[in-house]
Amino acid sequence: MSAKLIDGKAIAQTIRSEIGDEVRLLSQKYAKVPGLAVVIVGNRKDSQSYVNMKRKACAEVGIKSFDIDLPEQVSEPELIAKVHELNANPEVHGILVQLPLPKNINEERVLSEISIDKDVDGFHPLNIGKLAMKGRDPLFEPCTPKGCLELLSRSGISVKGKMAVVVGRSNIVGLPVSLLLLKADATVSIVHSRTTDPEIIIRQADIVIAAAGQAMMIKGDWIKPGAAVIDVGTNAVDDPSKKAGYRLVGDVDFQEVSKVAGWITPVPGGVGPMTVAMLLRNTLDGAKRVIEQ
């Protein structure tokens, strides 16, 4: 393996201890701490485990967690009323509604009801709109894309003037990460399901951000030697040798690509821990805007 491993777990841990220090300072100076409300509807196993992870992370850095657990059959007006209640609560500085929501609820409608000042997920249309505009800054940047850029910067990888290729165009990762790269002065291409010969475009990239949701789709010969590869994908593939019967792999063929790339993130242990760290960072930033005024 020639690629340097970018250890997302270690970098996220460093960020969490920085956040913990800042929370303590806020508490000493103003006798207030940041508050994050996590709203979960129903009992999907994966959503439950994400939410527990977020709540645990809050406790670790001293952020107050507001736990809102609603039943699967909650109505859309009830959920929106709950969001409005959290908007009005001065102790809550960030609101996160865990997706996906049940089929009978319009996700877009619910998310747009979250106050832009508390949109720590960074998905409010106004936040994304400002992200897309030159000379404007959103109040919050989406957590996973922000984590990808933080991994690059803390690994000493400069983005300015580089060719960056984003694989995937989702609202959650592909689109916002391409906007963040553009803001950091990269030259950005986006490859998606309708792109012909994606490997030709990917092969030109100094930086590859893979967020397509296709297990091990990016092969070693698709990568420019020495490129930095950030793998956002988390895909379960059958593996009878594992207790669970499956293992997690990224969108990148790790064995092949790590022989060619200059830097690579593992799956798991790469981007995942950074998403939670950036959520904590956004919550702290939202709280500082209010508390330090």
C-alpha atoms as a PDB file:
ATOM      1  CA  MET A   1       0.000   0.000   0.000  1.00  0.00           C
ATOM      2  CA  SER A   2       1.521   3.310  -1.067  1.00  0.00           C
ATOM      3  CA  ALA A   3      -1.312   5.626   0.020  1.00  0.00           C
ATOM      4  CA  LYS A   4      -1.193   7.400   3.385  1.00  0.00           C
ATOM      5  CA  LEU A   5      -4.200   6.458   5.468  1.00  0.00           C
ATOM      6  CA  ILE A   6      -6.327   9.442   6.547  1.00  0.00           C
ATOM      7  CA  ASP A   7      -7.515   8.414  10.001  1.00  0.00           C
ATOM      8  CA  GLY A   8     -10.938  10.039  10.367  1.00  0.00           C
ATOM      9  CA  LYS A   9     -11.403   8.575  13.831  1.00  0.00           C
ATOM     10  CA  ALA A  10      -8.249  10.219  15.194  1.00  0.00           C
ATOM     11  CA  ILE A  11      -8.910  13.556  13.477  1.00  0.00           C
ATOM     12  CA  ALA A  12     -12.514  13.580  14.741  1.00  0.00           C
ATOM     13  CA  GLN A  13     -11.287  12.853  18.269  1.00  0.00           C
ATOM     14  CA  THR A  14      -8.926  15.863  18.100  1.00  0.00           C
ATOM     15  CA  ILE A  15     -11.807  18.078  16.932  1.00  0.00           C
ATOM     16  CA  ARG A  16     -14.076  16.770  19.692  1.00  0.00           C
ATOM     17  CA  SER A  17     -11.520  17.644  22.357  1.00  0.00           C
ATOM     18  CA  GLU A  18     -11.163  21.165  20.854  1.00  0.00           C
ATOM     19  CA  ILE A  19     -14.963  21.528  21.003  1.00  0.00           C
ATOM     20  CA  GLY A  20     -15.010  20.252  24.604  1.00  0.00           C
ATOM     21  CA  ASP A  21     -12.497  22.973  25.587  1.00  0.00           C
ATOM     22  CA  GLU A  22     -14.584  25.699  23.932  1.00  0.00           C
ATOM     23  CA  VAL A  23     -17.795  24.456  25.582  1.00  0.00           C
ATOM     24  CA  ARG A  24     -16.080  24.613  28.991  1.00  0.00           C
ATOM     25  CA  LEU A  25     -14.968  28.203  28.319  1.00  0.00           C
ATOM     26  CA  LEU A  26     -18.526  29.211  27.344  1.00  0.00           C
ATOM     27  CA  SER A  27     -19.856  27.565  30.484  1.00  0.00           C
ATOM     28  CA  GLN A  28     -17.312  29.333  32.727  1.00  0.00           C
ATOM     29  CA  LYS A  29     -17.772  32.737  31.101  1.00  0.00           C
ATOM     30  CA  TYR A  30     -21.547  32.849  30.501  1.00  0.00           C
ATOM     31  CA  ALA A  31     -22.888  29.931  32.607  1.00  0.00           C
ATOM     32  CA  LYS A  32     -24.508  28.588  29.418  1.00  0.00           C
ATOM     33  CA  VAL A  33     -23.785  25.580  27.209  1.00  0.00           C
ATOM     34  CA  PRO A  34     -24.805  24.738  23.626  1.00  0.00           C
ATOM     35  CA  GLY A  35     -27.998  22.687  23.224  1.00  0.00           C
ATOM     36  CA  LEU A  36     -28.801  20.226  20.427  1.00  0.00           C
ATOM     37  CA  ALA A  37     -32.296  18.798  19.877  1.00  0.00           C
ATOM     38  CA  VAL A  38     -32.354  15.476  18.038  1.00  0.00           C
ATOM     39  CA  VAL A  39     -35.795  14.507  16.719  1.00  0.00           C
ATOM     40  CA  ILE A  40     -36.409  10.907  15.705  1.00  0.00           C
ATOM     41  CA  VAL A  41     -39.670   9.490  14.345  1.00  0.00           C
ATOM     42  CA  GLY A  42     -40.386   5.765  14.627  1.00  0.00           C
ATOM     43  CA  ASN A  43     -37.900   3.035  15.497  1.00  0.00           C
ATOM     44  CA  ARG A  44     -35.765   2.241  12.463  1.00  0.00           C
ATOM     45  CA  LYS A  45     -32.698   0.392  13.759  1.00  0.00           C
ATOM     46  CA  ASP A  46     -30.163   2.376  11.684  1.00  0.00           C
ATOM     47  CA  SER A  47     -31.715   5.736  12.621  1.00  0.00           C
ATOM     48  CA  GLN A  48     -31.795   4.736  16.300  1.00  0.00           C
ATOM     49  CA  SER A  49     -28.088   3.874  16.278  1.00  0.00           C
ATOM     50  CA  TYR A  50     -27.161   7.142  14.496  1.00  0.00           C
ATOM     51  CA  VAL A  51     -29.176   9.131  17.012  1.00  0.00           C
ATOM     52  CA  ASN A  52     -27.645   7.317  20.005  1.00  0.00           C
ATOM     53  CA  MET A  53     -24.190   8.026  18.604  1.00  0.00           C
ATOM     54  CA  LYS A  54     -25.029  11.745  18.277  1.00  0.00           C
ATOM     55  CA  ARG A  55     -26.439  11.927  21.805  1.00  0.00           C
ATOM     56  CA  LYS A  56     -23.390  10.162  23.240  1.00  0.00           C
ATOM     57  CA  ALA A  57     -21.081  12.554  21.384  1.00  0.00           C
ATOM     58  CA  CYS A  58     -22.970  15.541  22.841  1.00  0.00           C
ATOM     59  CA  ALA A  59     -22.526  14.207  26.367  1.00  0.00           C
ATOM     60  CA  GLU A  60     -18.810  13.697  25.774  1.00  0.00           C
ATOM     61  CA  VAL A  61     -18.155  17.363  24.860  1.00  0.00           C
ATOM     62  CA  GLY A  62     -20.618  18.921  27.318  1.00  0.00           C
ATOM     63  CA  ILE A  63     -23.348  19.866  24.847  1.00  0.00           C
ATOM     64  CA  LYS A  64     -26.850  19.548  26.315  1.00  0.00           C
ATOM     65  CA  SER A  65     -28.936  17.030  24.397  1.00  0.00           C
ATOM     66  CA  PHE A  66     -32.702  17.417  23.981  1.00  0.00           C
ATOM     67  CA  ASP A  67     -34.151  14.021  23.058  1.00  0.00           C
ATOM     68  CA  ILE A  68     -37.404  14.095  21.089  1.00  0.00           C
ATOM     69  CA  ASP A  69     -38.647  10.560  20.303  1.00  0.00           C
ATOM     70  CA  LEU A  70     -41.920  10.503  18.363  1.00  0.00           C
ATOM     71  CA  PRO A  71     -44.013   7.478  17.359  1.00  0.00           C
ATOM     72  CA  GLU A  72     -44.063   6.187  13.765  1.00  0.00           C
ATOM     73  CA  GLN A  73     -47.717   7.302  13.369  1.00  0.00           C
ATOM     74  CA  VAL A  74     -47.119  10.966  14.329  1.00  0.00           C
ATOM     75  CA  SER A  75     -48.843  13.366  11.894  1.00  0.00           C
ATOM     76  CA  GLU A  76     -46.991  15.979   9.848  1.00  0.00           C
ATOM     77  CA  PRO A  77     -48.702  18.932  11.655  1.00  0.00           C
ATOM     78  CA  GLU A  78     -47.718  17.416  15.038  1.00  0.00           C
ATOM     79  CA  LEU A  79     -44.097  17.055  13.936  1.00  0.00           C
ATOM     80  CA  ILE A  80     -44.014  20.640  12.598  1.00  0.00           C
ATOM     81  CA  ALA A  81     -45.538  21.904  15.862  1.00  0.00           C
ATOM     82  CA  LYS A  82     -42.704  20.142  17.734  1.00  0.00           C
ATOM     83  CA  VAL A  83     -40.131  21.826  15.448  1.00  0.00           C
ATOM     84  CA  HIS A  84     -41.729  25.249  16.119  1.00  0.00           C
ATOM     85  CA  GLU A  85     -41.555  24.573  19.856  1.00  0.00           C
ATOM     86  CA  LEU A  86     -37.805  23.851  19.552  1.00  0.00           C
ATOM     87  CA  ASN A  87     -37.329  26.969  17.371  1.00  0.00           C
ATOM     88  CA  ALA A  88     -38.762  29.014  20.238  1.00  0.00           C
ATOM     89  CA  ASN A  89     -36.680  27.357  22.976  1.00  0.00           C
ATOM     90  CA  PRO A  90     -33.672  29.628  23.780  1.00  0.00           C
ATOM     91  CA  GLU A  91     -31.697  26.691  25.253  1.00  0.00           C
ATOM     92  CA  VAL A  92     -31.764  24.869  21.905  1.00  0.00           C
ATOM     93  CA  HIS A  93     -29.112  26.135  19.451  1.00  0.00           C
ATOM     94  CA  GLY A  94     -29.341  23.309  16.932  1.00  0.00           C
ATOM     95  CA  ILE A  95     -32.197  21.155  15.653  1.00  0.00           C
ATOM     96  CA  LEU A  96     -31.673  17.905  13.815  1.00  0.00           C
ATOM     97  CA  VAL A  97     -34.519  15.845  12.373  1.00  0.00           C
ATOM     98  CA  GLN A  98     -33.211  12.335  11.686  1.00  0.00           C
ATOM     99  CA  LEU A  99     -33.976  11.196   8.118  1.00  0.00           C
ATOM    100  CA  PRO A 100     -35.627   9.275   6.559  1.00  0.00           C
ATOM    101  CA  LEU A 101     -39.066  10.209   7.893  1.00  0.00           C
ATOM    102  CA  PRO A 102     -42.123   7.934   7.473  1.00  0.00           C
ATOM    103  CA  LYS A 103     -43.737   7.963   4.000  1.00  0.00           C
ATOM    104  CA  ASN A 104     -46.772  10.029   5.102  1.00  0.00           C
ATOM    105  CA  ILE A 105     -44.558  13.006   6.025  1.00  0.00           C
ATOM    106  CA  ASN A 106     -43.093  15.482   3.531  1.00  0.00           C
ATOM    107  CA  GLU A 107     -39.401  15.757   4.472  1.00  0.00           C
ATOM    108  CA  GLU A 108     -38.825  18.993   2.570  1.00  0.00           C
ATOM    109  CA  ARG A 109     -41.748  20.681   4.317  1.00  0.00           C
ATOM    110  CA  VAL A 110     -40.554  19.642   7.774  1.00  0.00           C
ATOM    111  CA  LEU A 111     -36.908  20.631   7.176  1.00  0.00           C
ATOM    112  CA  SER A 112     -37.848  24.066   5.842  1.00  0.00           C
ATOM    113  CA  GLU A 113     -39.715  24.748   9.123  1.00  0.00           C
ATOM    114  CA  ILE A 114     -36.462  24.541  11.115  1.00  0.00           C
ATOM    115  CA  SER A 115     -35.235  28.041  11.976  1.00  0.00           C
ATOM    116  CA  ILE A 116     -32.255  28.904   9.752  1.00  0.00           C
ATOM    117  CA  ASP A 117     -30.351  29.947  12.911  1.00  0.00           C
ATOM    118  CA  LYS A 118     -30.687  26.387  14.252  1.00  0.00           C
ATOM    119  CA  ASP A 119     -30.217  24.450  10.993  1.00  0.00           C
ATOM    120  CA  VAL A 120     -27.088  22.581  12.147  1.00  0.00           C
ATOM    121  CA  ASP A 121     -27.539  20.024   9.345  1.00  0.00           C
ATOM    122  CA  GLY A 122     -27.011  22.885   6.874  1.00  0.00           C
ATOM    123  CA  PHE A 123     -29.845  21.737   4.575  1.00  0.00           C
ATOM    124  CA  HIS A 124     -32.127  24.801   4.742  1.00  0.00           C
ATOM    125  CA  PRO A 125     -32.585  26.111   1.166  1.00  0.00           C
ATOM    126  CA  LEU A 126     -31.232  29.509   2.300  1.00  0.00           C
ATOM    127  CA  ASN A 127     -28.071  27.916   3.698  1.00  0.00           C
ATOM    128  CA  ILE A 128     -27.506  25.862   0.525  1.00  0.00           C
ATOM    129  CA  GLY A 129     -28.326  28.932  -1.606  1.00  0.00           C
ATOM    130  CA  LYS A 130     -25.709  31.041   0.176  1.00  0.00           C
ATOM    131  CA  LEU A 131     -23.214  28.192  -0.150  1.00  0.00           C
ATOM    132  CA  ALA A 132     -23.746  28.371  -3.920  1.00  0.00           C
ATOM    133  CA  MET A 133     -23.123  32.121  -4.148  1.00  0.00           C
ATOM    134  CA  LYS A 134     -19.809  33.946  -4.359  1.00  0.00           C
ATOM    135  CA  GLY A 135     -19.061  36.264  -1.470  1.00  0.00           C
ATOM    136  CA  ARG A 136     -21.863  34.836   0.692  1.00  0.00           C
ATOM    137  CA  ASP A 137     -21.453  32.491   3.620  1.00  0.00           C
ATOM    138  CA  PRO A 138     -24.118  30.134   4.929  1.00  0.00           C
ATOM    139  CA  LEU A 139     -24.782  30.101   8.684  1.00  0.00           C
ATOM    140  CA  PHE A 140     -24.031  26.361   8.615  1.00  0.00           C
ATOM    141  CA  GLU A 141     -22.348  24.022   6.126  1.00  0.00           C
ATOM    142  CA  PRO A 142     -23.713  20.455   5.791  1.00  0.00           C
ATOM    143  CA  CYS A 143     -21.839  18.121   8.168  1.00  0.00           C
ATOM    144  CA  THR A 144     -20.556  15.337   5.887  1.00  0.00           C
ATOM    145  CA  PRO A 145     -19.273  17.675   3.121  1.00  0.00           C
ATOM    146  CA  LYS A 146     -17.713  19.954   5.749  1.00  0.00           C
ATOM    147  CA  GLY A 147     -16.060  16.866   7.288  1.00  0.00           C
ATOM    148  CA  CYS A 148     -14.587  15.878   3.900  1.00  0.00           C
ATOM    149  CA  LEU A 149     -12.875  19.270   3.522  1.00  0.00           C
ATOM    150  CA  GLU A 150     -11.699  19.200   7.118  1.00  0.00           C
ATOM    151  CA  LEU A 151     -10.056  15.789   6.498  1.00  0.00           C
ATOM    152  CA  LEU A 152      -8.188  17.255   3.517  1.00  0.00           C
ATOM    153  CA  SER A 153      -7.059  20.374   5.356  1.00  0.00           C
ATOM    154  CA  ARG A 154      -5.928  18.541   8.509  1.00  0.00           C
ATOM    155  CA  SER A 155      -3.983  16.087   6.353  1.00  0.00           C
ATOM    156  CA  GLY A 156      -2.104  19.003   4.763  1.00  0.00           C
ATOM    157  CA  ILE A 157      -3.762  18.543   1.365  1.00  0.00           C
ATOM    158  CA  SER A 158      -4.330  21.894  -0.345  1.00  0.00           C
ATOM    159  CA  VAL A 159      -7.478  22.236  -2.467  1.00  0.00           C
ATOM    160  CA  LYS A 160      -6.660  25.564  -4.136  1.00  0.00           C
ATOM    161  CA  GLY A 161      -6.080  25.262  -7.873  1.00  0.00           C
ATOM    162  CA  LYS A 162      -6.491  21.466  -7.810  1.00  0.00           C
ATOM    163  CA  MET A 163      -8.699  19.350 -10.080  1.00  0.00           C
ATOM    164  CA  ALA A 164     -11.416  17.822  -7.891  1.00  0.00           C
ATOM    165  CA  VAL A 165     -13.950  15.239  -9.030  1.00  0.00           C
ATOM    166  CA  VAL A 166     -17.073  14.500  -7.000  1.00  0.00           C
ATOM    167  CA  VAL A 167     -18.751  11.171  -7.745  1.00  0.00           C
ATOM    168  CA  GLY A 168     -22.488  11.499  -7.036  1.00  0.00           C
ATOM    169  CA  ARG A 169     -24.832  14.496  -6.946  1.00  0.00           C
ATOM    170  CA  SER A 170     -27.062  13.948  -3.899  1.00  0.00           C
ATOM    171  CA  ASN A 171     -28.416  16.929  -1.945  1.00  0.00           C
ATOM    172  CA  ILE A 172     -26.758  15.558   1.189  1.00  0.00           C
ATOM    173  CA  VAL A 173     -23.172  15.083  -0.063  1.00  0.00           C
ATOM    174  CA  GLY A 174     -22.429  15.363  -3.781  1.00  0.00           C
ATOM    175  CA  LEU A 175     -23.926  18.773  -4.498  1.00  0.00           C
ATOM    176  CA  PRO A 176     -22.846  20.607  -1.302  1.00  0.00           C
ATOM    177  CA  VAL A 177     -19.324  19.121  -1.295  1.00  0.00           C
ATOM    178  CA  SER A 178     -18.832  20.327  -4.893  1.00  0.00           C
ATOM    179  CA  LEU A 179     -19.919  23.832  -3.794  1.00  0.00           C
ATOM    180  CA  LEU A 180     -17.494  23.765  -0.836  1.00  0.00           C
ATOM    181  CA  LEU A 181     -14.635  22.666  -3.120  1.00  0.00           C
ATOM    182  CA  LEU A 182     -15.500  25.490  -5.516  1.00  0.00           C
ATOM    183  CA  LYS A 183     -15.456  27.969  -2.604  1.00  0.00           C
ATOM    184  CA  ALA A 184     -11.991  26.635  -1.694  1.00  0.00           C
ATOM    185  CA  ASP A 185     -10.788  27.442  -5.261  1.00  0.00           C
ATOM    186  CA  ALA A 186     -10.696  23.927  -6.712  1.00  0.00           C
ATOM    187  CA  THR A 187     -11.718  23.237 -10.310  1.00  0.00           C
ATOM    188  CA  VAL A 188     -14.684  20.918  -9.869  1.00  0.00           C
ATOM    189  CA  SER A 189     -16.291  18.224 -12.029  1.00  0.00           C
ATOM    190  CA  ILE A 190     -19.277  16.136 -10.960  1.00  0.00           C
ATOM    191  CA  VAL A 191     -19.668  12.593 -12.234  1.00  0.00           C
ATOM    192  CA  HIS A 192     -23.098  10.924 -11.866  1.00  0.00           C
ATOM    193  CA  SER A 193     -25.246   8.041 -13.107  1.00  0.00           C
ATOM    194  CA  ARG A 194     -25.761   9.667 -16.520  1.00  0.00           C
ATOM    195  CA  THR A 195     -22.083  10.476 -17.113  1.00  0.00           C
ATOM    196  CA  THR A 196     -20.493   8.581 -20.018  1.00  0.00           C
ATOM    197  CA  ASP A 197     -17.019   7.130 -19.312  1.00  0.00           C
ATOM    198  CA  PRO A 198     -16.761   8.430 -15.728  1.00  0.00           C
ATOM    199  CA  GLU A 199     -13.321   6.831 -15.301  1.00  0.00           C
ATOM    200  CA  ILE A 200     -11.814   9.208 -17.890  1.00  0.00           C
ATOM    201  CA  ILE A 201     -12.902  12.224 -15.828  1.00  0.00           C
ATOM    202  CA  ILE A 202     -11.994  10.652 -12.462  1.00  0.00           C
ATOM    203  CA  ARG A 203      -8.504   9.806 -13.752  1.00  0.00           C
ATOM    204  CA  GLN A 204      -7.723  13.543 -14.139  1.00  0.00           C
ATOM    205  CA  ALA A 205      -8.504  14.365 -10.509  1.00  0.00           C
ATOM    206  CA  ASP A 206      -6.000  15.412  -7.838  1.00  0.00           C
ATOM    207  CA  ILE A 207      -8.841  14.997  -5.324  1.00  0.00           C
ATOM    208  CA  VAL A 208     -11.649  12.427  -5.599  1.00  0.00           C
ATOM    209  CA  ILE A 209     -14.704  12.557  -3.328  1.00  0.00           C
ATOM    210  CA  ALA A 210     -16.697   9.368  -3.812  1.00  0.00           C
ATOM    211  CA  ALA A 211     -20.346   9.602  -2.735  1.00  0.00           C
ATOM    212  CA  ALA A 212     -22.281   7.486  -5.221  1.00  0.00           C
ATOM    213  CA  GLY A 213     -23.558   4.692  -2.976  1.00  0.00           C
ATOM    214  CA  GLN A 214     -22.129   1.977  -5.266  1.00  0.00           C
ATOM    215  CA  ALA A 215     -19.972  -0.626  -3.522  1.00  0.00           C
ATOM    216  CA  MET A 216     -16.333  -0.599  -4.714  1.00  0.00           C
ATOM    217  CA  MET A 217     -17.233   1.042  -8.009  1.00  0.00           C
ATOM    218  CA  ILE A 218     -14.015   3.096  -8.300  1.00  0.00           C
ATOM    219  CA  LYS A 219     -11.098   0.913  -9.370  1.00  0.00           C
ATOM    220  CA  GLY A 220      -7.337   1.376  -9.075  1.00  0.00           C
ATOM    221  CA  ASP A 221      -6.842   2.243 -12.755  1.00  0.00           C
ATOM    222  CA  TRP A 222      -9.422   5.057 -12.424  1.00  0.00           C
ATOM    223  CA  ILE A 223      -7.139   6.973 -10.086  1.00  0.00           C
ATOM    224  CA  LYS A 224      -4.347   9.402 -10.936  1.00  0.00           C
ATOM    225  CA  PRO A 225      -1.163   8.331  -9.073  1.00  0.00           C
ATOM    226  CA  GLY A 226      -0.771  10.351  -5.870  1.00  0.00           C
ATOM    227  CA  ALA A 227      -4.383  11.606  -5.785  1.00  0.00           C
ATOM    228  CA  ALA A 228      -6.239  12.162  -2.495  1.00  0.00           C
ATOM    229  CA  VAL A 229      -9.305   9.911  -2.244  1.00  0.00           C
ATOM    230  CA  ILE A 230     -12.093  10.622   0.256  1.00  0.00           C
ATOM    231  CA  ASP A 231     -14.582   7.741   0.346  1.00  0.00           C
ATOM    232  CA  VAL A 232     -18.020   8.749   1.668  1.00  0.00           C
ATOM    233  CA  GLY A 233     -19.729   5.501   0.672  1.00  0.00           C
ATOM    234  CA  THR A 234     -20.998   3.009   3.242  1.00  0.00           C
ATOM    235  CA  ASN A 235     -22.287  -0.148   1.580  1.00  0.00           C
ATOM    236  CA  ALA A 236     -23.041  -3.515   3.166  1.00  0.00           C
ATOM    237  CA  VAL A 237     -21.726  -6.491   1.168  1.00  0.00           C
ATOM    238  CA  ASP A 238     -22.313 -10.161   2.051  1.00  0.00           C
ATOM    239  CA  ASP A 239     -19.478 -11.719   4.020  1.00  0.00           C
ATOM    240  CA  PRO A 240     -20.222 -15.100   5.655  1.00  0.00           C
ATOM    241  CA  SER A 241     -16.939 -14.899   7.618  1.00  0.00           C
ATOM    242  CA  LYS A 242     -18.365 -11.974   9.656  1.00  0.00           C
ATOM    243  CA  LYS A 243     -20.671 -12.492  12.617  1.00  0.00           C
ATOM    244  CA  ALA A 244     -23.279 -10.124  11.160  1.00  0.00           C
ATOM    245  CA  GLY A 245     -23.061 -11.889   7.777  1.00  0.00           C
ATOM    246  CA  TYR A 246     -21.889  -8.727   6.036  1.00  0.00           C
ATOM    247  CA  ARG A 247     -19.107  -6.134   6.094  1.00  0.00           C
ATOM    248  CA  LEU A 248     -19.062  -2.443   5.241  1.00  0.00           C
ATOM    249  CA  VAL A 249     -17.179  -1.208   2.189  1.00  0.00           C
ATOM    250  CA  GLY A 250     -16.913   2.182   0.497  1.00  0.00           C
ATOM    251  CA  ASP A 251     -17.542   3.335  -3.070  1.00  0.00           C
ATOM    252  CA  VAL A 252     -13.817   2.849  -3.683  1.00  0.00           C
ATOM    253  CA  ASP A 253     -12.077  -0.505  -4.177  1.00  0.00           C
ATOM    254  CA  PHE A 254      -9.742   0.054  -1.214  1.00  0.00           C
ATOM    255  CA  GLN A 255      -7.265  -2.781  -2.006  1.00  0.00           C
ATOM    256  CA  GLU A 256      -6.672  -1.534  -5.555  1.00  0.00           C
ATOM    257  CA  VAL A 257      -6.906   2.219  -5.024  1.00  0.00           C
ATOM    258  CA  SER A 258      -4.607   2.303  -1.977  1.00  0.00           C
ATOM    259  CA  LYS A 259      -1.768   1.059  -4.240  1.00  0.00           C
ATOM    260  CA  VAL A 260      -2.131   4.093  -6.534  1.00  0.00           C
ATOM    261  CA  ALA A 261      -3.469   6.996  -4.452  1.00  0.00           C
ATOM    262  CA  GLY A 262      -1.368   9.360  -2.336  1.00  0.00           C
ATOM    263  CA  TRP A 263      -3.959   9.507   0.470  1.00  0.00           C
ATOM    264  CA  ILE A 264      -7.096   7.478   1.181  1.00  0.00           C
ATOM    265  CA  THR A 265      -9.800   7.267   3.852  1.00  0.00           C
ATOM    266  CA  PRO A 266     -10.825   3.844   5.164  1.00  0.00           C
ATOM    267  CA  VAL A 267     -14.422   2.605   5.470  1.00  0.00           C
ATOM    268  CA  PRO A 268     -15.411   2.484   8.270  1.00  0.00           C
ATOM    269  CA  GLY A 269     -13.303   4.996  10.259  1.00  0.00           C
ATOM    270  CA  GLY A 270     -12.868   7.699   7.634  1.00  0.00           C
ATOM    271  CA  VAL A 271     -15.651  10.168   6.896  1.00  0.00           C
ATOM    272  CA  GLY A 272     -18.236   8.739   9.348  1.00  0.00           C
ATOM    273  CA  PRO A 273     -16.718  10.018  12.617  1.00  0.00           C
ATOM    274  CA  MET A 274     -16.180  13.432  10.977  1.00  0.00           C
ATOM    275  CA  THR A 275     -19.901  13.880  10.263  1.00  0.00           C
ATOM    276  CA  VAL A 276     -20.700  13.709  13.986  1.00  0.00           C
ATOM    277  CA  ALA A 277     -17.731  15.964  14.861  1.00  0.00           C
ATOM    278  CA  MET A 278     -18.965  18.612  12.383  1.00  0.00           C
ATOM    279  CA  LEU A 279     -22.485  18.394  13.832  1.00  0.00           C
ATOM    280  CA  LEU A 280     -21.019  19.216  17.258  1.00  0.00           C
ATOM    281  CA  ARG A 281     -18.939  22.031  15.719  1.00  0.00           C
ATOM    282  CA  ASN A 282     -22.032  23.525  13.998  1.00  0.00           C
ATOM    283  CA  THR A 283     -24.004  23.341  17.260  1.00  0.00           C
ATOM    284  CA  LEU A 284     -21.178  25.102  19.118  1.00  0.00           C
ATOM    285  CA  ASP A 285     -20.942  27.804  16.426  1.00  0.00           C
ATOM    286  CA  GLY A 286     -24.722  28.357  16.549  1.00  0.00           C
ATOM    287  CA  ALA A 287     -24.582  28.668  20.349  1.00  0.00           C
ATOM    288  CA  LYS A 288     -21.630  31.097  20.247  1.00  0.00           C
ATOM    289  CA  ARG A 289     -23.546  33.381  17.854  1.00  0.00           C
ATOM    290  CA  VAL A 290     -26.355  33.635  20.418  1.00  0.00           C
ATOM    291  CA  ILE A 291     -24.472  33.481  23.741  1.00  0.00           C
ATOM    292  CA  GLU A 292     -21.605  35.831  22.866  1.00  0.00           C
ATOM    293  CA  GLN A 293     -23.848  38.538  21.368  1.00  0.00           C
END
